[in-house]
Amino acid sequence: MLTYAIWTASTAFGIALLLNLYRLIKGPTVPDRIIALDTAYINSIAILVLYGIHEATTLYFEVALLIAIFGFVSTAMLAKYLLRGDIIE
């Protein structure tokens, strides 16, 4: 039963990743593309966590944590660049 739930959720997150890719390519403005990139890494974290549950290993949880850290830093950096035009003051 858990296997079916994991595969169903993974399929839903995979479809969400494809929709994020569409918005990343087609996005009319730069903030739309940044939001699409932000949600894409969140969806990839969810897929990694689901795969870690399926395989019963903690390695994928650590990788998901690293992606979360880098994703947060990159989103904050891009937002600062859009607001001020310069990353390092």
Protein backbone atom coordinates (compact mmCIF):
# COMPACT_ATOMS: atom_id res chain seq x y z
CA MET A 1 0.00 0.00 0.00
CA LEU A 2 2.84 2.40 0.84
CA THR A 3 4.50 1.61 -2.47
CA TYR A 4 1.43 2.70 -4.42
CA ALA A 5 1.20 5.93 -2.44
CA ILE A 6 4.87 6.68 -3.07
CA TRP A 7 4.55 6.04 -6.81
CA THR A 8 1.37 8.13 -7.03
CA ALA A 9 2.98 11.03 -5.20
CA SER A 10 6.16 10.71 -7.29
CA THR A 11 4.08 10.84 -10.47
CA ALA A 12 2.26 13.95 -9.25
CA PHE A 13 5.54 15.66 -8.36
CA GLY A 14 7.01 14.64 -11.72
CA ILE A 15 4.09 16.26 -13.53
CA ALA A 16 4.58 19.35 -11.36
CA LEU A 17 8.26 19.41 -12.38
CA LEU A 18 7.28 19.32 -16.04
CA LEU A 19 4.87 22.21 -15.51
CA ASN A 20 7.63 24.11 -13.70
CA LEU A 21 9.93 23.52 -16.65
CA TYR A 22 7.27 24.93 -18.97
CA ARG A 23 6.94 28.06 -16.81
CA LEU A 24 10.72 28.36 -16.57
CA ILE A 25 11.04 28.40 -20.37
CA LYS A 26 7.85 30.27 -21.24
CA GLY A 27 7.63 32.63 -18.24
CA PRO A 28 6.78 36.15 -19.38
CA THR A 29 8.89 37.89 -16.73
CA VAL A 30 12.05 37.17 -14.78
CA PRO A 31 10.25 36.89 -11.39
CA ASP A 32 7.99 34.22 -12.90
CA ARG A 33 11.05 32.25 -13.92
CA ILE A 34 12.60 32.61 -10.47
CA ILE A 35 9.43 31.34 -8.81
CA ALA A 36 9.33 28.42 -11.27
CA LEU A 37 12.93 27.57 -10.40
CA ASP A 38 12.13 27.80 -6.70
CA THR A 39 9.18 25.43 -6.98
CA ALA A 40 11.18 23.10 -9.22
CA TYR A 41 13.81 22.53 -6.57
CA ILE A 42 11.10 22.05 -3.93
CA ASN A 43 9.46 19.40 -6.11
CA SER A 44 12.79 17.70 -6.68
CA ILE A 45 13.34 17.63 -2.90
CA ALA A 46 9.96 15.95 -2.50
CA ILE A 47 10.83 13.34 -5.12
CA LEU A 48 14.16 12.63 -3.41
CA VAL A 49 12.49 12.23 -0.02
CA LEU A 50 9.91 9.87 -1.48
CA TYR A 51 12.66 7.83 -3.12
CA GLY A 52 14.55 7.75 0.18
CA ILE A 53 11.44 6.40 1.90
CA HIS A 54 11.02 3.81 -0.83
CA GLU A 55 14.64 2.64 -0.61
CA ALA A 56 14.76 2.93 3.22
CA THR A 57 18.07 4.79 3.23
CA THR A 58 19.09 8.13 4.70
CA LEU A 59 21.42 9.13 1.88
CA TYR A 60 18.65 10.75 -0.15
CA PHE A 61 17.49 12.78 2.84
CA GLU A 62 20.96 14.31 3.14
CA VAL A 63 21.01 15.12 -0.57
CA ALA A 64 17.57 16.70 -0.24
CA LEU A 65 18.85 18.83 2.63
CA LEU A 66 21.78 20.04 0.52
CA ILE A 67 19.47 20.91 -2.36
CA ALA A 68 17.23 22.82 0.06
CA ILE A 69 20.16 24.85 1.37
CA PHE A 70 21.51 25.68 -2.09
CA GLY A 71 18.02 26.43 -3.37
CA PHE A 72 17.30 28.87 -0.56
CA VAL A 73 20.61 30.66 -1.05
CA SER A 74 20.14 30.89 -4.81
CA THR A 75 16.58 32.21 -4.48
CA ALA A 76 17.71 34.84 -1.96
CA MET A 77 20.61 35.79 -4.23
CA LEU A 78 18.38 36.17 -7.29
CA ALA A 79 15.84 38.22 -5.35
CA LYS A 80 18.57 40.54 -4.08
CA TYR A 81 19.92 40.88 -7.62
CA LEU A 82 16.47 41.80 -8.93
CA LEU A 83 15.90 44.38 -6.20
CA ARG A 84 19.29 46.08 -6.13
CA GLY A 85 21.06 45.03 -9.31
CA ASP A 86 24.13 43.95 -7.34
CA ILE A 87 24.74 40.85 -5.24
CA ILE A 88 27.79 41.91 -3.26
CA GLU A 89 27.72 45.36 -1.72
